[in-house]
Amino acid sequence: MLQRLLFELGPWNWMVLGFALLVAEILAPGVFLLWIGIAALLIGAASLVLWNAAFWTWQAQVLAFLVLALLSAYAGKRFFSGKRETSDQPLLNRRGEQMIGRTATLAEPIREGRGRIQLGDTLWRVSGPDLPAGARVRVTGAAETDLELTVEKI
């Protein structure tokens, strides 16, 4: 039954596939099925014109669809990934890096390379040379995870 339906639809198979992929993109957005759906719609449009041509076999259609899907996905990626605008606040979500250059007093001594400082309302873990509580330090770096700052005595 399904085979008969596909045969009866003829060139409209590609259109149905294209619209199904576009609906799937709406239901599960990711901007990937969009390009494959567009490729299927283009092959459907070509099939409407070339359906009775001897060279337009199902193998040629699938090959053309694969090539078009790859080209449209590549073109879409290039088009939409363009240049990102630089932010006026590049450290907005990087709290540890915002602390670099600030000075503070050790809330807990640095022992075996680890201690804590109070900056604002946050108690930060720090690493640096062993120092007693109350020593003044300057933040010189931040771990990538923003969980620990590196300090030096001033």
Protein backbone atom coordinates (compact mmCIF):
# COMPACT_ATOMS: atom_id res chain seq x y z
CA MET A 1 0.00 0.00 0.00
CA LEU A 2 2.78 2.45 0.91
CA GLN A 3 4.67 1.56 -2.26
CA ARG A 4 1.54 2.21 -4.34
CA LEU A 5 1.03 5.56 -2.61
CA LEU A 6 4.63 6.60 -3.28
CA PHE A 7 4.33 5.57 -6.91
CA GLU A 8 1.07 7.48 -7.36
CA LEU A 9 2.47 10.67 -5.82
CA GLY A 10 5.27 10.72 -8.39
CA PRO A 11 7.26 13.97 -8.19
CA TRP A 12 5.18 15.12 -5.23
CA ASN A 13 7.04 12.63 -2.98
CA TRP A 14 9.87 15.12 -2.66
CA MET A 15 7.45 17.92 -1.83
CA VAL A 16 5.84 15.82 0.91
CA LEU A 17 9.27 14.94 2.30
CA GLY A 18 10.35 18.59 2.19
CA PHE A 19 7.27 19.83 4.04
CA ALA A 20 7.57 17.00 6.57
CA LEU A 21 11.17 18.04 7.27
CA LEU A 22 10.14 21.69 7.63
CA VAL A 23 7.40 20.70 10.10
CA ALA A 24 9.94 18.59 12.01
CA GLU A 25 12.21 21.66 12.14
CA ILE A 26 9.39 23.67 13.68
CA LEU A 27 8.67 20.96 16.26
CA ALA A 28 12.34 20.36 17.13
CA PRO A 29 14.21 23.52 16.16
CA GLY A 30 17.90 23.22 15.50
CA VAL A 31 18.21 24.89 12.08
CA PHE A 32 19.46 21.70 10.48
CA LEU A 33 16.36 20.01 9.08
CA LEU A 34 15.50 23.33 7.45
CA TRP A 35 18.31 22.94 4.91
CA ILE A 36 17.50 19.32 4.14
CA GLY A 37 13.83 20.26 3.75
CA ILE A 38 14.73 23.03 1.34
CA ALA A 39 16.84 20.57 -0.66
CA ALA A 40 13.88 18.15 -0.84
CA LEU A 41 11.57 20.95 -2.01
CA LEU A 42 14.06 21.94 -4.73
CA ILE A 43 14.32 18.35 -5.93
CA GLY A 44 10.52 18.20 -5.91
CA ALA A 45 10.34 21.31 -8.07
CA ALA A 46 12.93 19.85 -10.45
CA SER A 47 11.00 16.58 -10.54
CA LEU A 48 7.83 18.37 -11.61
CA VAL A 49 9.72 19.65 -14.64
CA LEU A 50 11.92 16.63 -15.37
CA TRP A 51 9.65 13.75 -14.36
CA ASN A 52 9.43 12.19 -17.82
CA ALA A 53 13.08 12.76 -18.74
CA ALA A 54 14.99 9.53 -19.28
CA PHE A 55 17.94 10.56 -17.10
CA TRP A 56 15.75 11.58 -14.11
CA THR A 57 15.65 8.15 -12.50
CA TRP A 58 15.16 7.66 -8.77
CA GLN A 59 18.91 7.17 -8.41
CA ALA A 60 19.60 10.54 -10.06
CA GLN A 61 16.99 12.17 -7.84
CA VAL A 62 18.51 10.74 -4.64
CA LEU A 63 22.02 11.73 -5.74
CA ALA A 64 20.86 15.26 -6.60
CA PHE A 65 19.05 15.45 -3.24
CA LEU A 66 22.16 14.39 -1.32
CA VAL A 67 24.33 16.92 -3.12
CA LEU A 68 21.76 19.70 -2.65
CA ALA A 69 21.28 18.82 1.03
CA LEU A 70 25.02 19.05 1.67
CA LEU A 71 25.36 22.29 -0.30
CA SER A 72 22.38 23.93 1.37
CA ALA A 73 23.52 22.89 4.86
CA TYR A 74 27.00 24.26 4.14
CA ALA A 75 25.62 27.50 2.69
CA GLY A 76 23.24 27.92 5.63
CA LYS A 77 26.04 27.41 8.13
CA ARG A 78 28.26 29.93 6.35
CA PHE A 79 25.43 32.45 6.02
CA PHE A 80 24.18 32.29 9.61
CA SER A 81 27.47 31.83 11.41
CA GLY A 82 28.78 35.12 9.98
CA LYS A 83 30.72 37.57 12.09
CA ARG A 84 29.56 37.94 15.65
CA GLU A 85 29.32 41.44 17.04
CA THR A 86 31.78 42.13 19.79
CA SER A 87 30.17 42.78 23.11
CA ASP A 88 30.60 46.02 25.02
CA GLN A 89 30.92 43.82 28.14
CA PRO A 90 33.05 40.81 27.14
CA LEU A 91 33.48 39.64 30.75
CA LEU A 92 29.78 39.79 31.62
CA ASN A 93 29.40 36.10 32.43
CA ARG A 94 32.99 35.52 33.51
CA ARG A 95 32.97 36.61 37.12
CA GLY A 96 36.41 35.29 37.94
CA GLU A 97 38.04 37.25 35.13
CA GLN A 98 36.25 40.40 36.30
CA MET A 99 38.16 40.11 39.58
CA ILE A 100 41.63 40.23 38.00
CA GLY A 101 43.54 43.26 39.26
CA ARG A 102 41.40 43.76 42.37
CA THR A 103 42.97 43.73 45.81
CA ALA A 104 41.56 42.07 48.91
CA THR A 105 42.44 40.84 52.37
CA LEU A 106 42.72 37.12 53.00
CA ALA A 107 39.71 35.89 54.99
CA GLU A 108 41.42 32.54 55.59
CA PRO A 109 45.16 31.90 55.41
CA ILE A 110 46.67 30.33 52.34
CA ARG A 111 48.03 26.95 53.45
CA GLU A 112 49.53 24.46 51.05
CA GLY A 113 48.62 26.82 48.20
CA ARG A 114 44.89 27.19 49.03
CA GLY A 115 42.91 29.82 50.95
CA ARG A 116 39.95 32.22 50.72
CA ILE A 117 39.36 35.93 50.18
CA GLN A 118 36.27 38.08 50.51
CA LEU A 119 35.45 40.18 47.41
CA GLY A 120 32.16 41.99 47.62
CA ASP A 121 29.63 39.60 49.11
CA THR A 122 31.38 36.46 47.83
CA LEU A 123 33.98 34.29 49.51
CA TRP A 124 36.39 33.12 46.78
CA ARG A 125 38.77 30.17 46.83
CA VAL A 126 42.27 31.29 45.97
CA SER A 127 45.59 29.70 45.20
CA GLY A 128 48.98 31.30 45.75
CA PRO A 129 51.94 31.42 48.10
CA ASP A 130 51.32 30.54 51.74
CA LEU A 131 50.23 33.70 53.58
CA PRO A 132 48.54 34.42 56.94
CA ALA A 133 44.92 35.57 57.27
CA GLY A 134 44.66 39.33 56.93
CA ALA A 135 47.45 39.63 54.33
CA ARG A 136 46.74 41.96 51.39
CA VAL A 137 46.71 40.21 48.01
CA ARG A 138 46.06 41.10 44.36
CA VAL A 139 44.10 38.82 42.03
CA THR A 140 46.32 37.86 39.08
CA GLY A 141 44.28 35.18 37.34
CA ALA A 142 41.14 33.07 37.29
CA ALA A 143 40.55 29.40 36.55
CA GLU A 144 38.50 28.66 33.43
CA THR A 145 35.65 27.41 35.58
CA ASP A 146 35.65 30.65 37.62
CA LEU A 147 35.80 28.59 40.80
CA GLU A 148 39.26 29.66 41.90
CA LEU A 149 41.34 32.82 41.68
CA THR A 150 45.12 33.10 41.64
CA VAL A 151 46.62 35.73 43.95
CA GLU A 152 49.97 37.27 44.84
CA LYS A 153 51.05 39.25 47.87
CA ILE A 154 51.19 43.04 47.48
